[in-house]
Amino acid sequence: MASGQGQQKSDHPADAKTAAAPAAVAPPPLSAPPYNELPFATRKDLPALKLSMHVYAAEPLQRFVILNNSRLGEGDKQEDLSVREIRPDGIVLEFRGQRFFYPRDGF
């Protein structure tokens, strides 16, 4: 076999599909500071946060969380707390105009 032989590039679409490795799904960059970086004054006013279920799906309408024993989707409110975004690694909440990221267990 001559040098360079066997390393020919194919333009066939089926070859491109088999050659491509699946890309790891990385969570998008944070759109809000993490909960633990909130000012103390904000954290002390927040209600207790108990995230008991976190469901992320590609379709936004299928995403939901069980937060403080309530089922909430993106855009739902619970008193002064709003669910702004459900991400693969947690949720972005808003409390009195302050957005923050609350991670799910394991992140």
N, C-alpha and C. Protein backbone atom coordinates (compact mmCIF):
# COMPACT_ATOMS: atom_id res chain seq x y z
N MET A 1 0.85 -1.17 0.00
CA MET A 1 0.00 0.00 0.00
C MET A 1 0.90 1.23 0.00
N ALA A 2 0.63 2.17 -0.86
CA ALA A 2 1.42 3.38 -0.97
C ALA A 2 1.08 4.32 0.18
N SER A 3 2.02 5.17 0.53
CA SER A 3 1.81 6.12 1.61
C SER A 3 0.65 7.05 1.28
N GLY A 4 -0.22 7.25 2.24
CA GLY A 4 -1.36 8.14 2.04
C GLY A 4 -2.58 7.42 1.51
N GLN A 5 -2.41 6.19 1.01
CA GLN A 5 -3.54 5.44 0.48
C GLN A 5 -4.39 4.93 1.64
N GLY A 6 -5.66 4.89 1.50
CA GLY A 6 -6.56 4.48 2.56
C GLY A 6 -7.01 5.64 3.42
N GLN A 7 -6.49 6.82 3.18
CA GLN A 7 -6.90 7.99 3.93
C GLN A 7 -7.62 8.96 3.04
N GLN A 8 -8.26 8.41 2.00
CA GLN A 8 -8.97 9.27 1.06
C GLN A 8 -10.25 9.79 1.71
N LYS A 9 -10.55 11.03 1.42
CA LYS A 9 -11.76 11.66 1.93
C LYS A 9 -12.92 11.31 1.01
N SER A 10 -14.03 10.90 1.60
CA SER A 10 -15.21 10.55 0.83
C SER A 10 -16.21 11.68 0.93
N ASP A 11 -16.87 11.96 -0.17
CA ASP A 11 -17.92 12.98 -0.18
C ASP A 11 -19.31 12.35 -0.08
N HIS A 12 -19.36 11.06 0.13
CA HIS A 12 -20.63 10.35 0.21
C HIS A 12 -21.30 10.68 1.54
N PRO A 13 -22.58 11.13 1.56
CA PRO A 13 -23.25 11.53 2.81
C PRO A 13 -23.31 10.41 3.85
N ALA A 14 -23.48 9.17 3.43
CA ALA A 14 -23.56 8.07 4.39
C ALA A 14 -22.24 7.90 5.13
N ASP A 15 -21.11 8.13 4.44
CA ASP A 15 -19.81 8.03 5.09
C ASP A 15 -19.65 9.10 6.15
N ALA A 16 -20.18 10.28 5.92
CA ALA A 16 -20.07 11.38 6.88
C ALA A 16 -20.85 11.07 8.15
N LYS A 17 -22.00 10.40 8.01
CA LYS A 17 -22.80 10.06 9.17
C LYS A 17 -22.10 9.05 10.06
N THR A 18 -21.47 8.06 9.46
CA THR A 18 -20.81 7.03 10.26
C THR A 18 -19.51 7.53 10.85
N ALA A 19 -18.89 8.51 10.24
CA ALA A 19 -17.61 9.02 10.73
C ALA A 19 -17.78 10.02 11.86
N ALA A 20 -18.92 10.67 11.91
CA ALA A 20 -19.12 11.71 12.92
C ALA A 20 -19.39 11.08 14.29
N ALA A 21 -18.65 11.50 15.28
CA ALA A 21 -18.85 11.02 16.64
C ALA A 21 -19.95 11.85 17.29
N PRO A 22 -20.76 11.24 18.15
CA PRO A 22 -21.80 12.04 18.81
C PRO A 22 -21.18 13.09 19.72
N ALA A 23 -21.70 14.28 19.63
CA ALA A 23 -21.18 15.38 20.44
C ALA A 23 -21.78 15.32 21.84
N ALA A 24 -20.97 15.59 22.84
CA ALA A 24 -21.47 15.64 24.21
C ALA A 24 -22.35 16.87 24.37
N VAL A 25 -23.44 16.73 25.06
CA VAL A 25 -24.36 17.84 25.27
C VAL A 25 -23.90 18.60 26.50
N ALA A 26 -23.39 19.78 26.28
CA ALA A 26 -22.95 20.63 27.39
C ALA A 26 -24.07 21.58 27.73
N PRO A 27 -24.27 21.84 29.02
CA PRO A 27 -25.31 22.80 29.36
C PRO A 27 -24.95 24.19 28.85
N PRO A 28 -25.96 24.96 28.49
CA PRO A 28 -25.68 26.32 28.01
C PRO A 28 -25.06 27.15 29.13
N PRO A 29 -24.39 28.23 28.77
CA PRO A 29 -23.79 29.08 29.81
C PRO A 29 -24.87 29.64 30.73
N LEU A 30 -24.47 29.89 31.96
CA LEU A 30 -25.43 30.42 32.94
C LEU A 30 -25.95 31.78 32.52
N SER A 31 -27.26 31.95 32.64
CA SER A 31 -27.87 33.23 32.31
C SER A 31 -28.15 34.04 33.58
N ALA A 32 -27.70 33.50 34.71
CA ALA A 32 -27.93 34.16 36.00
C ALA A 32 -26.86 33.67 36.98
N PRO A 33 -26.56 34.46 38.01
CA PRO A 33 -25.56 34.01 38.99
C PRO A 33 -26.07 32.81 39.78
N PRO A 34 -25.17 31.94 40.23
CA PRO A 34 -25.59 30.80 41.06
C PRO A 34 -26.20 31.27 42.38
N TYR A 35 -27.06 30.45 42.94
CA TYR A 35 -27.73 30.74 44.20
C TYR A 35 -26.75 31.14 45.29
N ASN A 36 -25.65 30.39 45.40
CA ASN A 36 -24.69 30.66 46.48
C ASN A 36 -23.92 31.96 46.31
N GLU A 37 -24.06 32.63 45.16
CA GLU A 37 -23.40 33.92 44.95
C GLU A 37 -24.36 35.11 45.13
N LEU A 38 -25.60 34.83 45.48
CA LEU A 38 -26.56 35.91 45.73
C LEU A 38 -26.16 36.67 46.99
N PRO A 39 -26.47 37.96 47.06
CA PRO A 39 -26.21 38.70 48.29
C PRO A 39 -26.96 38.07 49.46
N PHE A 40 -26.38 38.15 50.63
CA PHE A 40 -26.99 37.56 51.82
C PHE A 40 -28.40 38.10 52.03
N ALA A 41 -28.59 39.39 51.83
CA ALA A 41 -29.92 40.00 52.03
C ALA A 41 -30.98 39.33 51.15
N THR A 42 -30.62 38.98 49.93
CA THR A 42 -31.57 38.31 49.02
C THR A 42 -31.81 36.89 49.47
N ARG A 43 -30.75 36.16 49.81
CA ARG A 43 -30.89 34.76 50.23
C ARG A 43 -31.74 34.62 51.49
N LYS A 44 -31.59 35.55 52.44
CA LYS A 44 -32.36 35.43 53.69
C LYS A 44 -33.85 35.69 53.46
N ASP A 45 -34.20 36.46 52.43
CA ASP A 45 -35.60 36.74 52.13
C ASP A 45 -36.26 35.65 51.28
N LEU A 46 -35.45 34.82 50.64
CA LEU A 46 -36.00 33.75 49.81
C LEU A 46 -36.74 32.72 50.66
N PRO A 47 -37.82 32.17 50.12
CA PRO A 47 -38.45 31.05 50.84
C PRO A 47 -37.51 29.84 50.76
N ALA A 48 -37.72 28.87 51.62
CA ALA A 48 -36.94 27.64 51.55
C ALA A 48 -37.16 27.01 50.18
N LEU A 49 -36.08 26.52 49.56
CA LEU A 49 -36.18 25.91 48.23
C LEU A 49 -35.97 24.41 48.34
N LYS A 50 -37.00 23.66 48.00
CA LYS A 50 -36.91 22.21 48.01
C LYS A 50 -37.25 21.72 46.61
N LEU A 51 -36.22 21.35 45.85
CA LEU A 51 -36.40 20.84 44.49
C LEU A 51 -36.44 19.32 44.57
N SER A 52 -37.65 18.75 44.49
CA SER A 52 -37.78 17.31 44.66
C SER A 52 -37.88 16.56 43.33
N MET A 53 -38.16 17.25 42.23
CA MET A 53 -38.16 16.62 40.92
C MET A 53 -37.77 17.65 39.87
N HIS A 54 -37.00 17.18 38.89
CA HIS A 54 -36.51 18.04 37.82
C HIS A 54 -36.62 17.25 36.53
N VAL A 55 -37.45 17.71 35.60
CA VAL A 55 -37.62 17.03 34.32
C VAL A 55 -37.25 18.00 33.21
N TYR A 56 -36.20 17.64 32.47
CA TYR A 56 -35.77 18.44 31.34
C TYR A 56 -36.08 17.67 30.06
N ALA A 57 -36.64 18.34 29.07
CA ALA A 57 -36.93 17.75 27.77
C ALA A 57 -36.55 18.76 26.70
N ALA A 58 -36.27 18.27 25.50
CA ALA A 58 -35.93 19.17 24.40
C ALA A 58 -37.07 20.14 24.11
N GLU A 59 -38.30 19.67 24.24
CA GLU A 59 -39.48 20.50 24.01
C GLU A 59 -39.80 21.28 25.30
N PRO A 60 -39.71 22.61 25.28
CA PRO A 60 -39.93 23.40 26.51
C PRO A 60 -41.25 23.13 27.22
N LEU A 61 -42.31 22.82 26.50
CA LEU A 61 -43.60 22.59 27.15
C LEU A 61 -43.62 21.30 27.97
N GLN A 62 -42.66 20.42 27.75
CA GLN A 62 -42.59 19.17 28.50
C GLN A 62 -41.69 19.27 29.73
N ARG A 63 -41.03 20.39 29.92
CA ARG A 63 -40.15 20.58 31.08
C ARG A 63 -40.97 20.98 32.30
N PHE A 64 -40.58 20.45 33.46
CA PHE A 64 -41.22 20.89 34.70
C PHE A 64 -40.35 20.54 35.89
N VAL A 65 -40.66 21.16 37.02
CA VAL A 65 -40.00 20.86 38.28
C VAL A 65 -41.07 20.72 39.36
N ILE A 66 -40.73 19.99 40.40
CA ILE A 66 -41.54 20.00 41.61
C ILE A 66 -40.71 20.80 42.60
N LEU A 67 -41.15 22.01 42.86
CA LEU A 67 -40.44 22.94 43.74
C LEU A 67 -41.37 23.29 44.90
N ASN A 68 -40.92 23.01 46.11
CA ASN A 68 -41.73 23.27 47.31
C ASN A 68 -43.11 22.63 47.19
N ASN A 69 -43.12 21.38 46.72
CA ASN A 69 -44.33 20.56 46.59
C ASN A 69 -45.32 21.06 45.55
N SER A 70 -44.87 21.91 44.62
CA SER A 70 -45.74 22.39 43.54
C SER A 70 -45.12 22.07 42.19
N ARG A 71 -45.95 21.62 41.24
CA ARG A 71 -45.47 21.35 39.89
C ARG A 71 -45.46 22.67 39.13
N LEU A 72 -44.27 23.05 38.62
CA LEU A 72 -44.12 24.32 37.92
C LEU A 72 -43.40 24.12 36.59
N GLY A 73 -43.85 24.82 35.58
CA GLY A 73 -43.18 24.84 34.29
C GLY A 73 -42.54 26.20 34.08
N GLU A 74 -41.85 26.35 32.94
CA GLU A 74 -41.22 27.64 32.64
C GLU A 74 -42.29 28.73 32.56
N GLY A 75 -42.08 29.82 33.28
CA GLY A 75 -43.01 30.94 33.29
C GLY A 75 -43.99 30.91 34.45
N ASP A 76 -44.05 29.78 35.17
CA ASP A 76 -44.98 29.69 36.31
C ASP A 76 -44.42 30.43 37.52
N LYS A 77 -45.36 30.89 38.39
CA LYS A 77 -44.99 31.62 39.61
C LYS A 77 -45.50 30.91 40.84
N GLN A 78 -44.78 31.12 41.92
CA GLN A 78 -45.18 30.64 43.24
C GLN A 78 -44.85 31.78 44.21
N GLU A 79 -45.85 32.55 44.57
CA GLU A 79 -45.68 33.77 45.36
C GLU A 79 -44.70 34.70 44.66
N ASP A 80 -43.58 35.08 45.30
CA ASP A 80 -42.61 36.00 44.68
C ASP A 80 -41.56 35.28 43.84
N LEU A 81 -41.70 33.99 43.64
CA LEU A 81 -40.70 33.18 42.94
C LEU A 81 -41.24 32.75 41.58
N SER A 82 -40.48 33.02 40.52
CA SER A 82 -40.87 32.63 39.16
C SER A 82 -39.85 31.67 38.57
N VAL A 83 -40.33 30.69 37.81
CA VAL A 83 -39.45 29.78 37.08
C VAL A 83 -39.22 30.41 35.71
N ARG A 84 -38.02 30.84 35.45
CA ARG A 84 -37.69 31.50 34.18
C ARG A 84 -37.19 30.52 33.14
N GLU A 85 -36.43 29.51 33.56
CA GLU A 85 -35.83 28.58 32.61
C GLU A 85 -35.54 27.26 33.33
N ILE A 86 -35.87 26.16 32.66
CA ILE A 86 -35.51 24.84 33.16
C ILE A 86 -34.41 24.32 32.25
N ARG A 87 -33.24 24.12 32.83
CA ARG A 87 -32.05 23.69 32.08
C ARG A 87 -31.71 22.25 32.45
N PRO A 88 -30.86 21.60 31.68
CA PRO A 88 -30.49 20.21 32.01
C PRO A 88 -29.86 20.08 33.40
N ASP A 89 -29.18 21.12 33.86
CA ASP A 89 -28.43 21.04 35.11
C ASP A 89 -29.10 21.77 36.28
N GLY A 90 -30.28 22.33 36.08
CA GLY A 90 -30.96 23.05 37.16
C GLY A 90 -32.00 24.01 36.61
N ILE A 91 -32.34 25.01 37.42
CA ILE A 91 -33.38 25.96 37.02
C ILE A 91 -32.92 27.39 37.27
N VAL A 92 -33.41 28.29 36.43
CA VAL A 92 -33.19 29.71 36.63
C VAL A 92 -34.49 30.25 37.23
N LEU A 93 -34.36 30.80 38.43
CA LEU A 93 -35.50 31.36 39.15
C LEU A 93 -35.36 32.87 39.21
N GLU A 94 -36.47 33.54 39.46
CA GLU A 94 -36.44 34.99 39.69
C GLU A 94 -37.22 35.28 40.96
N PHE A 95 -36.58 36.06 41.84
CA PHE A 95 -37.19 36.43 43.10
C PHE A 95 -37.08 37.94 43.26
N ARG A 96 -38.21 38.62 43.24
CA ARG A 96 -38.25 40.08 43.38
C ARG A 96 -37.29 40.78 42.43
N GLY A 97 -37.30 40.35 41.17
CA GLY A 97 -36.48 40.99 40.14
C GLY A 97 -35.05 40.46 40.03
N GLN A 98 -34.63 39.61 40.93
CA GLN A 98 -33.26 39.05 40.92
C GLN A 98 -33.30 37.63 40.38
N ARG A 99 -32.66 37.42 39.22
CA ARG A 99 -32.56 36.08 38.66
C ARG A 99 -31.38 35.36 39.28
N PHE A 100 -31.53 34.04 39.43
CA PHE A 100 -30.41 33.22 39.92
C PHE A 100 -30.60 31.78 39.46
N PHE A 101 -29.49 31.05 39.45
CA PHE A 101 -29.48 29.66 39.02
C PHE A 101 -29.46 28.75 40.24
N TYR A 102 -30.36 27.77 40.27
CA TYR A 102 -30.43 26.80 41.35
C TYR A 102 -30.17 25.42 40.76
N PRO A 103 -29.04 24.79 41.09
CA PRO A 103 -28.69 23.51 40.45
C PRO A 103 -29.53 22.35 40.97
N ARG A 104 -29.70 21.36 40.12
CA ARG A 104 -30.36 20.13 40.57
C ARG A 104 -29.30 19.29 41.25
N ASP A 105 -29.73 18.31 42.02
CA ASP A 105 -28.77 17.43 42.71
C ASP A 105 -27.85 16.78 41.69
N GLY A 106 -26.61 16.65 42.06
CA GLY A 106 -25.64 16.01 41.19
C GLY A 106 -24.83 16.99 40.35
N PHE A 107 -25.18 18.28 40.40
CA PHE A 107 -24.41 19.28 39.63
C PHE A 107 -23.76 20.27 40.56
